[in-house]
Amino acid sequence: MREFEIREKQDKINQTDYWDGRILDLQILYFGDEVHLYIESYYENKIDLEECWKVSFLACAALNYETDAQNRKKFKVKDFTQNHLYTCQEISLEYYDDSFFQTRIVLEGLVKFNIIFRDVTVERIKRLERDFFWRNKS
């Protein structure tokens, strides 16, 4: 893989304007083969209530992450409401080998992910198509 390919994929991720954006959900599926990150999107400097970004890391060879469970005391992530979600600080790509990329994702609150993967896709989806864990909570 060439530097151009990494730059192109990084540019697609950067188009989400993820910096300090709320992470609506994170899903690890198919025994870690896919990781989906849902990021709040904005339209004309306002939160887009209709759509969000879905960043999918596909054909994952390795997944390593740390959470903030030791710092959260008794508060559980499953009890988060939309106003108390993590925000994204960094999503960076780099070359891993001839077939794979590596990404580092940092969410505020000391949540860190390192993923080795073959491909990444970025798309806008309808928020109503997803059943986010925090929906229907006050």
N, C-alpha and C. Protein backbone atom coordinates (compact mmCIF):
# COMPACT_ATOMS: atom_id res chain seq x y z
N MET A 1 0.85 -1.19 0.00
CA MET A 1 0.00 0.00 0.00
C MET A 1 0.88 1.24 0.00
N ARG A 2 0.46 2.18 -0.70
CA ARG A 2 1.25 3.38 -0.85
C ARG A 2 0.73 4.49 0.06
N GLU A 3 1.58 5.45 0.27
CA GLU A 3 1.22 6.61 1.11
C GLU A 3 -0.02 7.32 0.57
N PHE A 4 -0.18 7.34 -0.74
CA PHE A 4 -1.36 7.97 -1.35
C PHE A 4 -2.65 7.32 -0.85
N GLU A 5 -2.66 6.00 -0.78
CA GLU A 5 -3.86 5.29 -0.34
C GLU A 5 -4.19 5.61 1.11
N ILE A 6 -3.18 5.67 1.95
CA ILE A 6 -3.41 6.04 3.36
C ILE A 6 -3.95 7.46 3.44
N ARG A 7 -3.35 8.37 2.72
CA ARG A 7 -3.79 9.77 2.74
C ARG A 7 -5.23 9.90 2.24
N GLU A 8 -5.58 9.15 1.20
CA GLU A 8 -6.94 9.18 0.66
C GLU A 8 -7.95 8.69 1.70
N LYS A 9 -7.63 7.59 2.37
CA LYS A 9 -8.53 7.05 3.40
C LYS A 9 -8.60 7.98 4.62
N GLN A 10 -7.48 8.55 4.99
CA GLN A 10 -7.47 9.49 6.11
C GLN A 10 -8.32 10.72 5.79
N ASP A 11 -8.23 11.19 4.55
CA ASP A 11 -9.05 12.34 4.13
C ASP A 11 -10.54 12.04 4.23
N LYS A 12 -10.94 10.83 3.87
CA LYS A 12 -12.35 10.44 3.98
C LYS A 12 -12.79 10.47 5.44
N ILE A 13 -11.96 9.95 6.32
CA ILE A 13 -12.28 9.98 7.75
C ILE A 13 -12.34 11.42 8.25
N ASN A 14 -11.40 12.23 7.82
CA ASN A 14 -11.37 13.64 8.27
C ASN A 14 -12.58 14.42 7.79
N GLN A 15 -13.18 14.01 6.68
CA GLN A 15 -14.38 14.69 6.18
C GLN A 15 -15.55 14.57 7.16
N THR A 16 -15.48 13.63 8.09
CA THR A 16 -16.54 13.49 9.09
C THR A 16 -16.48 14.62 10.11
N ASP A 17 -15.36 15.35 10.13
CA ASP A 17 -15.17 16.44 11.10
C ASP A 17 -15.36 15.90 12.52
N TYR A 18 -14.74 14.77 12.79
CA TYR A 18 -14.93 14.03 14.04
C TYR A 18 -14.38 14.71 15.29
N TRP A 19 -13.48 15.67 15.16
CA TRP A 19 -12.81 16.25 16.31
C TRP A 19 -13.83 16.81 17.30
N ASP A 20 -13.81 16.31 18.50
CA ASP A 20 -14.72 16.69 19.58
C ASP A 20 -16.18 16.35 19.27
N GLY A 21 -16.42 15.57 18.24
CA GLY A 21 -17.78 15.12 17.93
C GLY A 21 -18.15 13.95 18.82
N ARG A 22 -19.42 13.85 19.14
CA ARG A 22 -19.88 12.76 20.00
C ARG A 22 -19.89 11.44 19.24
N ILE A 23 -19.46 10.39 19.92
CA ILE A 23 -19.50 9.05 19.38
C ILE A 23 -20.84 8.46 19.79
N LEU A 24 -21.70 8.23 18.81
CA LEU A 24 -23.04 7.74 19.09
C LEU A 24 -23.06 6.27 19.48
N ASP A 25 -22.10 5.52 18.98
CA ASP A 25 -22.00 4.11 19.35
C ASP A 25 -20.72 3.53 18.75
N LEU A 26 -20.30 2.42 19.30
CA LEU A 26 -19.18 1.63 18.80
C LEU A 26 -19.63 0.20 18.81
N GLN A 27 -19.49 -0.49 17.69
CA GLN A 27 -19.90 -1.88 17.62
C GLN A 27 -18.76 -2.74 17.08
N ILE A 28 -18.50 -3.82 17.78
CA ILE A 28 -17.51 -4.80 17.36
C ILE A 28 -18.31 -6.05 16.99
N LEU A 29 -18.25 -6.43 15.71
CA LEU A 29 -19.10 -7.50 15.21
C LEU A 29 -18.29 -8.66 14.62
N TYR A 30 -18.96 -9.79 14.53
CA TYR A 30 -18.43 -10.97 13.86
C TYR A 30 -17.07 -11.38 14.43
N PHE A 31 -17.05 -11.51 15.75
CA PHE A 31 -15.84 -11.92 16.47
C PHE A 31 -14.66 -10.99 16.19
N GLY A 32 -14.97 -9.71 16.03
CA GLY A 32 -13.93 -8.71 15.83
C GLY A 32 -13.53 -8.48 14.39
N ASP A 33 -14.20 -9.11 13.44
CA ASP A 33 -13.85 -8.93 12.03
C ASP A 33 -14.22 -7.53 11.54
N GLU A 34 -15.26 -6.93 12.13
CA GLU A 34 -15.67 -5.57 11.76
C GLU A 34 -15.83 -4.72 13.02
N VAL A 35 -15.43 -3.46 12.89
CA VAL A 35 -15.61 -2.48 13.95
C VAL A 35 -16.29 -1.27 13.31
N HIS A 36 -17.44 -0.87 13.88
CA HIS A 36 -18.20 0.26 13.34
C HIS A 36 -18.24 1.38 14.39
N LEU A 37 -17.87 2.56 13.96
CA LEU A 37 -17.86 3.74 14.81
C LEU A 37 -18.88 4.72 14.24
N TYR A 38 -19.85 5.13 15.06
CA TYR A 38 -20.90 6.04 14.62
C TYR A 38 -20.62 7.41 15.23
N ILE A 39 -20.48 8.41 14.37
CA ILE A 39 -20.07 9.75 14.79
C ILE A 39 -21.17 10.74 14.46
N GLU A 40 -21.47 11.59 15.43
CA GLU A 40 -22.47 12.62 15.22
C GLU A 40 -22.02 13.55 14.10
N SER A 41 -22.94 13.92 13.22
CA SER A 41 -22.58 14.82 12.12
C SER A 41 -23.26 16.17 12.33
N TYR A 42 -22.75 17.13 11.60
CA TYR A 42 -23.24 18.51 11.71
C TYR A 42 -23.65 19.01 10.33
N TYR A 43 -24.66 19.87 10.33
CA TYR A 43 -25.13 20.49 9.11
C TYR A 43 -25.30 21.96 9.40
N GLU A 44 -24.56 22.80 8.69
CA GLU A 44 -24.59 24.25 8.89
C GLU A 44 -24.35 24.61 10.36
N ASN A 45 -23.30 23.99 10.94
CA ASN A 45 -22.87 24.24 12.32
C ASN A 45 -23.88 23.84 13.37
N LYS A 46 -24.83 22.99 13.02
CA LYS A 46 -25.80 22.47 13.98
C LYS A 46 -25.77 20.95 13.92
N ILE A 47 -26.11 20.31 15.02
CA ILE A 47 -26.17 18.86 15.05
C ILE A 47 -27.20 18.38 14.03
N ASP A 48 -26.78 17.44 13.21
CA ASP A 48 -27.67 16.85 12.21
C ASP A 48 -28.49 15.76 12.90
N LEU A 49 -29.77 16.01 13.06
CA LEU A 49 -30.65 15.06 13.75
C LEU A 49 -31.13 13.94 12.83
N GLU A 50 -30.87 14.07 11.54
CA GLU A 50 -31.33 13.08 10.56
C GLU A 50 -30.27 12.02 10.23
N GLU A 51 -29.01 12.46 10.13
CA GLU A 51 -27.95 11.56 9.67
C GLU A 51 -26.76 11.59 10.63
N CYS A 52 -25.94 10.57 10.49
CA CYS A 52 -24.67 10.51 11.22
C CYS A 52 -23.65 9.82 10.32
N TRP A 53 -22.41 9.80 10.76
CA TRP A 53 -21.35 9.13 10.01
C TRP A 53 -21.16 7.72 10.56
N LYS A 54 -20.88 6.80 9.67
CA LYS A 54 -20.52 5.44 10.04
C LYS A 54 -19.15 5.16 9.45
N VAL A 55 -18.17 4.94 10.30
CA VAL A 55 -16.82 4.59 9.88
C VAL A 55 -16.64 3.11 10.21
N SER A 56 -16.40 2.31 9.19
CA SER A 56 -16.30 0.86 9.36
C SER A 56 -14.89 0.38 9.05
N PHE A 57 -14.30 -0.32 9.99
CA PHE A 57 -13.00 -0.95 9.81
C PHE A 57 -13.28 -2.42 9.52
N LEU A 58 -12.83 -2.89 8.35
CA LEU A 58 -13.23 -4.19 7.84
C LEU A 58 -12.05 -5.15 7.74
N ALA A 59 -12.34 -6.43 7.88
CA ALA A 59 -11.33 -7.49 7.86
C ALA A 59 -10.24 -7.18 8.89
N CYS A 60 -10.67 -7.05 10.12
CA CYS A 60 -9.74 -6.69 11.21
C CYS A 60 -8.90 -7.90 11.61
N ALA A 61 -7.61 -7.69 11.62
CA ALA A 61 -6.67 -8.76 12.00
C ALA A 61 -6.36 -8.69 13.49
N ALA A 62 -6.44 -7.51 14.07
CA ALA A 62 -6.17 -7.35 15.50
C ALA A 62 -6.93 -6.14 16.03
N LEU A 63 -7.37 -6.27 17.26
CA LEU A 63 -8.11 -5.20 17.92
C LEU A 63 -7.65 -5.15 19.36
N ASN A 64 -7.19 -3.99 19.78
CA ASN A 64 -6.71 -3.81 21.15
C ASN A 64 -7.33 -2.51 21.65
N TYR A 65 -7.93 -2.55 22.82
CA TYR A 65 -8.49 -1.32 23.35
C TYR A 65 -8.44 -1.28 24.87
N GLU A 66 -8.44 -0.05 25.37
CA GLU A 66 -8.48 0.21 26.80
C GLU A 66 -9.68 1.12 27.05
N THR A 67 -10.37 0.88 28.16
CA THR A 67 -11.50 1.72 28.51
C THR A 67 -11.16 2.52 29.76
N ASP A 68 -12.09 3.37 30.15
CA ASP A 68 -11.91 4.20 31.34
C ASP A 68 -12.63 3.63 32.55
N ALA A 69 -12.87 2.31 32.57
CA ALA A 69 -13.64 1.69 33.65
C ALA A 69 -13.04 1.97 35.03
N GLN A 70 -11.73 2.03 35.13
CA GLN A 70 -11.10 2.28 36.44
C GLN A 70 -11.33 3.72 36.91
N ASN A 71 -11.55 4.64 35.99
CA ASN A 71 -11.73 6.04 36.36
C ASN A 71 -13.20 6.44 36.50
N ARG A 72 -14.10 5.61 36.02
CA ARG A 72 -15.52 5.95 36.00
C ARG A 72 -16.23 5.72 37.31
N LYS A 73 -15.60 5.11 38.26
CA LYS A 73 -16.23 4.74 39.52
C LYS A 73 -17.35 3.75 39.25
N LYS A 74 -18.57 4.06 39.66
CA LYS A 74 -19.69 3.12 39.51
C LYS A 74 -20.56 3.42 38.30
N PHE A 75 -20.28 4.47 37.57
CA PHE A 75 -21.08 4.85 36.42
C PHE A 75 -20.85 3.86 35.28
N LYS A 76 -21.93 3.38 34.66
CA LYS A 76 -21.82 2.39 33.58
C LYS A 76 -22.09 3.04 32.23
N VAL A 77 -21.33 2.66 31.23
CA VAL A 77 -21.51 3.20 29.88
C VAL A 77 -22.92 2.90 29.38
N LYS A 78 -23.45 1.74 29.69
CA LYS A 78 -24.79 1.39 29.21
C LYS A 78 -25.86 2.34 29.75
N ASP A 79 -25.54 3.10 30.79
CA ASP A 79 -26.48 4.07 31.34
C ASP A 79 -26.29 5.48 30.77
N PHE A 80 -25.33 5.65 29.85
CA PHE A 80 -25.11 6.96 29.24
C PHE A 80 -26.37 7.43 28.52
N THR A 81 -26.56 8.73 28.52
CA THR A 81 -27.59 9.34 27.70
C THR A 81 -26.89 10.03 26.53
N GLN A 82 -27.63 10.54 25.59
CA GLN A 82 -27.02 11.18 24.42
C GLN A 82 -26.16 12.37 24.83
N ASN A 83 -26.51 13.05 25.88
CA ASN A 83 -25.74 14.22 26.32
C ASN A 83 -24.46 13.86 27.07
N HIS A 84 -24.25 12.59 27.35
CA HIS A 84 -23.07 12.18 28.11
C HIS A 84 -22.20 11.18 27.37
N LEU A 85 -22.23 11.21 26.06
CA LEU A 85 -21.45 10.28 25.26
C LEU A 85 -19.99 10.73 25.18
N TYR A 86 -19.11 9.79 24.84
CA TYR A 86 -17.71 10.12 24.61
C TYR A 86 -17.57 11.02 23.38
N THR A 87 -16.53 11.81 23.35
CA THR A 87 -16.21 12.57 22.15
C THR A 87 -14.91 12.04 21.57
N CYS A 88 -14.75 12.22 20.27
CA CYS A 88 -13.59 11.69 19.57
C CYS A 88 -12.48 12.75 19.52
N GLN A 89 -11.29 12.33 19.83
CA GLN A 89 -10.13 13.22 19.81
C GLN A 89 -9.19 12.93 18.63
N GLU A 90 -9.10 11.65 18.26
CA GLU A 90 -8.13 11.31 17.20
C GLU A 90 -8.54 10.02 16.48
N ILE A 91 -8.41 10.06 15.17
CA ILE A 91 -8.48 8.84 14.35
C ILE A 91 -7.34 8.97 13.34
N SER A 92 -6.30 8.21 13.52
CA SER A 92 -5.15 8.33 12.62
C SER A 92 -4.83 6.98 12.00
N LEU A 93 -4.49 7.02 10.71
CA LEU A 93 -4.15 5.81 9.95
C LEU A 93 -2.66 5.79 9.65
N GLU A 94 -2.16 4.59 9.57
CA GLU A 94 -0.78 4.42 9.11
C GLU A 94 -0.64 3.07 8.42
N TYR A 95 0.42 2.95 7.69
CA TYR A 95 0.75 1.73 6.97
C TYR A 95 1.13 0.66 7.99
N TYR A 96 0.64 -0.56 7.82
CA TYR A 96 1.03 -1.68 8.69
C TYR A 96 1.91 -2.66 7.93
N ASP A 97 1.40 -3.17 6.81
CA ASP A 97 2.20 -4.01 5.92
C ASP A 97 1.58 -3.95 4.52
N ASP A 98 1.96 -4.86 3.64
CA ASP A 98 1.48 -4.81 2.26
C ASP A 98 -0.03 -4.95 2.12
N SER A 99 -0.69 -5.52 3.11
CA SER A 99 -2.13 -5.78 3.01
C SER A 99 -2.98 -5.04 4.03
N PHE A 100 -2.38 -4.50 5.06
CA PHE A 100 -3.15 -3.95 6.17
C PHE A 100 -2.74 -2.54 6.56
N PHE A 101 -3.73 -1.84 7.12
CA PHE A 101 -3.52 -0.53 7.74
C PHE A 101 -3.60 -0.71 9.25
N GLN A 102 -3.18 0.32 9.95
CA GLN A 102 -3.35 0.36 11.40
C GLN A 102 -3.96 1.71 11.75
N THR A 103 -4.89 1.71 12.68
CA THR A 103 -5.48 2.97 13.13
C THR A 103 -5.37 3.09 14.63
N ARG A 104 -5.29 4.31 15.07
CA ARG A 104 -5.33 4.63 16.49
C ARG A 104 -6.52 5.57 16.67
N ILE A 105 -7.42 5.21 17.58
CA ILE A 105 -8.59 6.01 17.87
C ILE A 105 -8.55 6.38 19.35
N VAL A 106 -8.70 7.66 19.64
CA VAL A 106 -8.71 8.12 21.03
C VAL A 106 -10.02 8.86 21.28
N LEU A 107 -10.75 8.41 22.29
CA LEU A 107 -11.96 9.09 22.73
C LEU A 107 -11.66 9.76 24.06
N GLU A 108 -12.28 10.92 24.31
CA GLU A 108 -12.03 11.56 25.60
C GLU A 108 -12.52 10.63 26.67
N GLY A 109 -11.91 10.73 27.81
CA GLY A 109 -12.22 9.80 28.87
C GLY A 109 -11.27 8.61 28.88
N LEU A 110 -10.17 8.73 28.16
CA LEU A 110 -9.11 7.72 28.16
C LEU A 110 -9.51 6.38 27.55
N VAL A 111 -10.35 6.41 26.53
CA VAL A 111 -10.68 5.20 25.79
C VAL A 111 -9.80 5.20 24.54
N LYS A 112 -9.05 4.12 24.35
CA LYS A 112 -8.10 4.06 23.23
C LYS A 112 -8.27 2.75 22.49
N PHE A 113 -8.22 2.83 21.15
CA PHE A 113 -8.33 1.66 20.29
C PHE A 113 -7.16 1.63 19.33
N ASN A 114 -6.64 0.45 19.10
CA ASN A 114 -5.68 0.19 18.03
C ASN A 114 -6.24 -0.96 17.22
N ILE A 115 -6.40 -0.74 15.92
CA ILE A 115 -7.00 -1.75 15.06
C ILE A 115 -6.10 -1.96 13.84
N ILE A 116 -5.83 -3.20 13.52
CA ILE A 116 -5.14 -3.55 12.29
C ILE A 116 -6.21 -4.12 11.37
N PHE A 117 -6.36 -3.54 10.18
CA PHE A 117 -7.49 -3.87 9.32
C PHE A 117 -7.09 -3.77 7.86
N ARG A 118 -7.90 -4.38 7.01
CA ARG A 118 -7.62 -4.40 5.57
C ARG A 118 -8.25 -3.21 4.84
N ASP A 119 -9.45 -2.78 5.28
CA ASP A 119 -10.13 -1.70 4.57
C ASP A 119 -10.96 -0.88 5.54
N VAL A 120 -11.26 0.34 5.12
CA VAL A 120 -12.12 1.23 5.91
C VAL A 120 -13.10 1.89 4.95
N THR A 121 -14.34 2.01 5.40
CA THR A 121 -15.34 2.73 4.62
C THR A 121 -15.94 3.83 5.49
N VAL A 122 -16.37 4.89 4.83
CA VAL A 122 -16.99 6.02 5.51
C VAL A 122 -18.27 6.34 4.77
N GLU A 123 -19.38 6.41 5.49
CA GLU A 123 -20.65 6.72 4.85
C GLU A 123 -21.56 7.48 5.81
N ARG A 124 -22.48 8.23 5.22
CA ARG A 124 -23.52 8.89 6.00
C ARG A 124 -24.73 7.96 6.01
N ILE A 125 -25.31 7.79 7.19
CA ILE A 125 -26.49 6.94 7.31
C ILE A 125 -27.58 7.68 8.06
N LYS A 126 -28.79 7.22 7.92
CA LYS A 126 -29.92 7.76 8.66
C LYS A 126 -29.82 7.30 10.11
N ARG A 127 -29.92 8.25 11.03
CA ARG A 127 -29.82 7.91 12.44
C ARG A 127 -30.93 6.96 12.88
N LEU A 128 -32.10 7.09 12.29
CA LEU A 128 -33.22 6.24 12.69
C LEU A 128 -33.02 4.78 12.29
N GLU A 129 -32.06 4.53 11.38
CA GLU A 129 -31.79 3.15 10.97
C GLU A 129 -31.02 2.38 12.05
N ARG A 130 -30.48 3.08 12.99
CA ARG A 130 -29.67 2.46 14.06
C ARG A 130 -30.44 2.51 15.37
N ASP A 131 -30.31 1.49 16.15
CA ASP A 131 -30.91 1.45 17.48
C ASP A 131 -29.79 1.70 18.49
N PHE A 132 -29.41 2.96 18.64
CA PHE A 132 -28.32 3.30 19.55
C PHE A 132 -28.69 2.96 20.99
N PHE A 133 -27.75 2.46 21.74
CA PHE A 133 -28.02 1.99 23.10
C PHE A 133 -28.57 3.07 24.03
N TRP A 134 -28.28 4.32 23.77
CA TRP A 134 -28.68 5.42 24.67
C TRP A 134 -30.05 5.98 24.32
N ARG A 135 -30.60 5.56 23.20
CA ARG A 135 -31.90 6.09 22.77
C ARG A 135 -32.98 5.72 23.78
N ASN A 136 -33.94 6.59 23.94
CA ASN A 136 -35.06 6.41 24.87
C ASN A 136 -34.66 6.46 26.34
N LYS A 137 -33.56 7.14 26.62
CA LYS A 137 -33.16 7.40 28.00
C LYS A 137 -33.24 8.91 28.22
N SER A 138 -33.53 9.30 29.44
CA SER A 138 -33.64 10.74 29.70
C SER A 138 -32.30 11.41 29.78
